[in-house]
Amino acid sequence: MTLKITAEILLSGYAQGIFPMAENQDSPELHWINPQRRGVFPLDGFKISRSLRRRIRQENYSVSVNSAFNDVVSQCAGRNETWINAPLARLYDTLHQRGHAHSLEIWQDEVLTGGVFGITLGQAFFGESMFSKRRDASKIALAYLVDRLRQAGFSLFDTQFLTPHLASLGAIEIPRAAYRKLLADALTNAADFNAPGSPPDAQEMLQRTNHTS
């Protein structure tokens, strides 16, 4: 099914457990996706490998929140194969302006080298996409993102699909019915993505994220 959607319809779709994707960057249409099995990140089960932990401790990067939202979306959409078309990018921007879409950025040598963005409703964070221009930049972004979600009171981190990359970091796949229950619970309460304030330093974040693979 194809549909021209507004920001309000998009949020309604997320609340019902569905999300939009385009066939490719040049496609003018969006399609609602309703997977039988859903990828999620248990917020208490994020895994940091020893090599990633060492890289995080080097702190040769800086972390920011919502300082380059459109740039993160653009980088995520800039791949040869992408499901983010121009209408969807505009919807993300609208939701960002309304406080329902957020990004976390990784900077190295004052250059944006990694990031992740997603949509928030209640205590649910719907991860949309991430990118990496340098080794492990997206993994570092995810580590700080999971820490922020936990500190801000989120209960659901939806990754939409499960990839080998996400699975290596602790993401799992659950049936649609189980996901709908988690979603319903997450929508009954509120969480504030901005509540934790500035990102913590590496040592503070790692102390709270003690799952090591």
Protein backbone atom coordinates (compact mmCIF):
# COMPACT_ATOMS: atom_id res chain seq x y z
CA MET A 1 0.00 0.00 0.00
CA THR A 2 1.27 3.48 -0.86
CA LEU A 3 0.22 6.66 0.87
CA LYS A 4 1.18 10.30 1.02
CA ILE A 5 1.67 10.82 4.70
CA THR A 6 1.93 13.77 7.04
CA ALA A 7 3.98 14.03 10.22
CA GLU A 8 0.82 13.31 12.22
CA ILE A 9 0.04 10.19 10.19
CA LEU A 10 3.64 9.04 10.53
CA LEU A 11 3.49 9.27 14.33
CA SER A 12 0.16 7.47 14.31
CA GLY A 13 1.73 4.69 12.27
CA TYR A 14 4.59 4.28 14.72
CA ALA A 15 2.09 4.10 17.57
CA GLN A 16 0.37 1.24 15.73
CA GLY A 17 3.62 -0.65 15.18
CA ILE A 18 4.20 0.17 11.51
CA PHE A 19 6.71 2.45 9.81
CA PRO A 20 7.26 3.91 6.31
CA MET A 21 10.02 3.15 3.82
CA ALA A 22 10.67 4.05 0.20
CA GLU A 23 11.86 1.50 -2.34
CA ASN A 24 14.88 3.69 -3.06
CA GLN A 25 16.11 7.26 -2.79
CA ASP A 26 14.46 8.32 -6.05
CA SER A 27 11.08 6.72 -5.41
CA PRO A 28 8.35 9.32 -4.80
CA GLU A 29 6.20 6.93 -2.75
CA LEU A 30 6.31 5.54 0.77
CA HIS A 31 5.11 2.12 1.86
CA TRP A 32 4.00 1.03 5.31
CA ILE A 33 6.07 -1.85 6.71
CA ASN A 34 4.74 -4.27 9.32
CA PRO A 35 7.34 -7.03 9.92
CA GLN A 36 6.29 -10.36 11.40
CA ARG A 37 9.44 -10.26 13.53
CA ARG A 38 10.90 -7.07 14.96
CA GLY A 39 14.42 -6.10 15.92
CA VAL A 40 14.83 -4.51 19.35
CA PHE A 41 17.72 -3.53 21.60
CA PRO A 42 17.18 -4.62 25.22
CA LEU A 43 18.41 -1.49 26.96
CA ASP A 44 20.12 -3.52 29.68
CA GLY A 45 21.83 -5.83 27.20
CA PHE A 46 23.99 -3.64 24.99
CA LYS A 47 27.32 -5.41 24.39
CA ILE A 48 30.61 -3.58 24.10
CA SER A 49 33.50 -5.66 22.86
CA ARG A 50 36.92 -5.22 24.43
CA SER A 51 38.23 -3.59 21.27
CA LEU A 52 35.30 -1.14 21.16
CA ARG A 53 35.74 -0.40 24.86
CA ARG A 54 39.38 0.49 24.21
CA ARG A 55 38.38 2.73 21.31
CA ILE A 56 35.77 4.50 23.43
CA ARG A 57 38.30 5.08 26.19
CA GLN A 58 40.68 6.77 23.75
CA GLU A 59 38.20 9.68 23.60
CA ASN A 60 39.65 10.96 20.33
CA TYR A 61 36.15 12.14 19.46
CA SER A 62 33.38 14.32 20.85
CA VAL A 63 29.68 13.55 21.22
CA SER A 64 26.75 15.88 20.64
CA VAL A 65 22.97 15.58 20.64
CA ASN A 66 20.66 17.20 18.10
CA SER A 67 23.40 19.52 16.84
CA ALA A 68 23.44 18.22 13.24
CA PHE A 69 20.17 16.34 12.75
CA ASN A 70 19.73 17.03 9.05
CA ASP A 71 23.37 16.24 8.35
CA VAL A 72 22.99 12.84 10.05
CA VAL A 73 19.87 12.08 8.01
CA SER A 74 21.65 13.20 4.84
CA GLN A 75 24.63 10.94 5.56
CA CYS A 76 22.33 8.00 6.25
CA ALA A 77 20.47 8.65 2.99
CA GLY A 78 23.65 9.11 0.98
CA ARG A 79 24.36 5.42 0.42
CA ASN A 80 24.02 3.75 -2.96
CA GLU A 81 21.06 1.79 -1.61
CA THR A 82 18.73 3.57 0.81
CA TRP A 83 15.06 3.62 1.78
CA ILE A 84 15.16 7.31 2.77
CA ASN A 85 13.68 9.39 -0.05
CA ALA A 86 13.16 13.16 -0.12
CA PRO A 87 9.57 13.09 1.26
CA LEU A 88 10.67 10.94 4.20
CA ALA A 89 13.65 13.19 4.92
CA ARG A 90 11.29 16.18 5.02
CA LEU A 91 9.00 14.33 7.44
CA TYR A 92 11.96 13.57 9.70
CA ASP A 93 12.90 17.25 9.68
CA THR A 94 9.33 18.24 10.62
CA LEU A 95 9.33 15.76 13.49
CA HIS A 96 12.70 17.05 14.62
CA GLN A 97 11.35 20.59 14.74
CA ARG A 98 8.43 19.31 16.83
CA GLY A 99 10.64 17.43 19.28
CA HIS A 100 9.82 13.90 18.07
CA ALA A 101 13.02 13.16 16.12
CA HIS A 102 16.53 13.22 17.54
CA SER A 103 20.11 12.57 16.55
CA LEU A 104 23.35 11.77 18.33
CA GLU A 105 26.56 12.72 16.55
CA ILE A 106 30.20 11.67 16.73
CA TRP A 107 32.85 14.24 15.75
CA GLN A 108 36.52 13.64 15.06
CA ASP A 109 38.88 16.44 14.08
CA GLU A 110 35.78 18.68 13.91
CA VAL A 111 34.31 16.44 11.20
CA LEU A 112 31.02 14.54 11.54
CA THR A 113 32.16 10.92 11.28
CA GLY A 114 29.26 8.96 12.75
CA GLY A 115 25.73 9.30 13.97
CA VAL A 116 22.34 7.76 14.59
CA PHE A 117 18.82 9.19 14.53
CA GLY A 118 15.33 8.09 15.40
CA ILE A 119 11.78 8.98 16.42
CA THR A 120 10.45 9.19 19.97
CA LEU A 121 6.97 8.55 21.31
CA GLY A 122 6.35 8.05 25.01
CA GLN A 123 9.08 5.74 26.28
CA ALA A 124 9.75 4.30 22.80
CA PHE A 125 12.71 5.19 20.60
CA PHE A 126 12.34 4.06 16.99
CA GLY A 127 15.85 3.84 15.57
CA GLU A 128 15.81 4.83 11.92
CA SER A 129 19.37 4.71 10.63
CA MET A 130 23.02 5.30 11.43
CA PHE A 131 26.21 5.94 9.51
CA SER A 132 29.95 5.72 10.02
CA LYS A 133 32.77 7.48 8.16
CA ARG A 134 35.53 6.14 10.41
CA ARG A 135 36.02 2.80 12.09
CA ASP A 136 33.53 2.12 14.91
CA ALA A 137 32.04 5.64 14.81
CA SER A 138 28.48 4.29 14.53
CA LYS A 139 29.15 1.76 17.31
CA ILE A 140 30.36 4.55 19.57
CA ALA A 141 27.21 6.52 18.70
CA LEU A 142 25.03 3.53 19.61
CA ALA A 143 26.80 3.07 22.94
CA TYR A 144 26.14 6.67 23.92
CA LEU A 145 22.59 6.46 22.55
CA VAL A 146 21.70 3.39 24.63
CA ASP A 147 23.13 5.09 27.72
CA ARG A 148 21.04 8.20 27.03
CA LEU A 149 17.86 6.19 26.53
CA ARG A 150 18.40 4.39 29.82
CA GLN A 151 19.11 7.61 31.71
CA ALA A 152 16.09 9.35 30.16
CA GLY A 153 13.64 6.60 31.15
CA PHE A 154 12.99 4.92 27.80
CA SER A 155 11.82 1.30 27.87
CA LEU A 156 11.84 0.34 24.16
CA PHE A 157 14.57 0.73 21.54
CA ASP A 158 13.07 -0.46 18.25
CA THR A 159 15.61 -1.25 15.50
CA GLN A 160 12.89 -2.33 13.01
CA PHE A 161 14.97 -5.17 11.57
CA LEU A 162 17.74 -7.31 13.06
CA THR A 163 21.05 -7.26 11.19
CA PRO A 164 24.20 -9.25 12.03
CA HIS A 165 25.86 -5.97 12.99
CA LEU A 166 23.12 -5.09 15.49
CA ALA A 167 22.97 -8.65 16.80
CA SER A 168 26.69 -8.49 17.61
CA LEU A 169 25.91 -5.53 19.86
CA GLY A 170 23.09 -7.27 21.71
CA ALA A 171 20.00 -6.63 19.58
CA ILE A 172 17.45 -9.43 19.35
CA GLU A 173 14.44 -10.34 17.25
CA ILE A 174 10.96 -10.85 18.73
CA PRO A 175 7.55 -11.82 17.30
CA ARG A 176 5.14 -9.08 16.24
CA ALA A 177 2.75 -9.79 19.12
CA ALA A 178 5.53 -9.47 21.70
CA TYR A 179 6.68 -6.23 20.10
CA ARG A 180 3.15 -4.80 20.16
CA LYS A 181 2.95 -5.48 23.89
CA LEU A 182 6.27 -3.73 24.55
CA LEU A 183 5.12 -0.83 22.38
CA ALA A 184 1.78 -0.50 24.16
CA ASP A 185 3.54 -0.41 27.52
CA ALA A 186 6.06 2.16 26.27
CA LEU A 187 3.34 4.48 25.00
CA THR A 188 1.57 4.69 28.36
CA ASN A 189 4.37 6.72 29.96
CA ALA A 190 6.61 9.62 29.03
CA ALA A 191 10.36 9.96 28.57
CA ASP A 192 12.43 12.97 27.54
CA PHE A 193 15.33 12.36 25.15
CA ASN A 194 16.89 15.68 26.17
CA ALA A 195 16.58 15.10 29.92
CA PRO A 196 20.09 13.71 30.58
CA GLY A 197 21.65 16.94 29.30
CA SER A 198 25.15 16.87 27.84
CA PRO A 199 26.59 13.45 26.90
CA PRO A 200 28.67 11.90 29.70
CA ASP A 201 32.39 11.32 29.46
CA ALA A 202 33.58 7.93 28.29
CA GLN A 203 34.41 6.51 31.71
CA GLU A 204 31.04 7.44 33.16
CA MET A 205 29.19 5.90 30.22
CA LEU A 206 31.25 2.71 30.30
CA GLN A 207 30.72 2.26 34.03
CA ARG A 208 26.98 2.20 33.42
CA THR A 209 27.30 -0.10 30.39
CA ASN A 210 29.05 -3.11 31.87
CA HIS A 211 28.11 -5.82 29.38
CA THR A 212 31.31 -6.84 27.62
CA SER A 213 31.47 -9.45 24.87
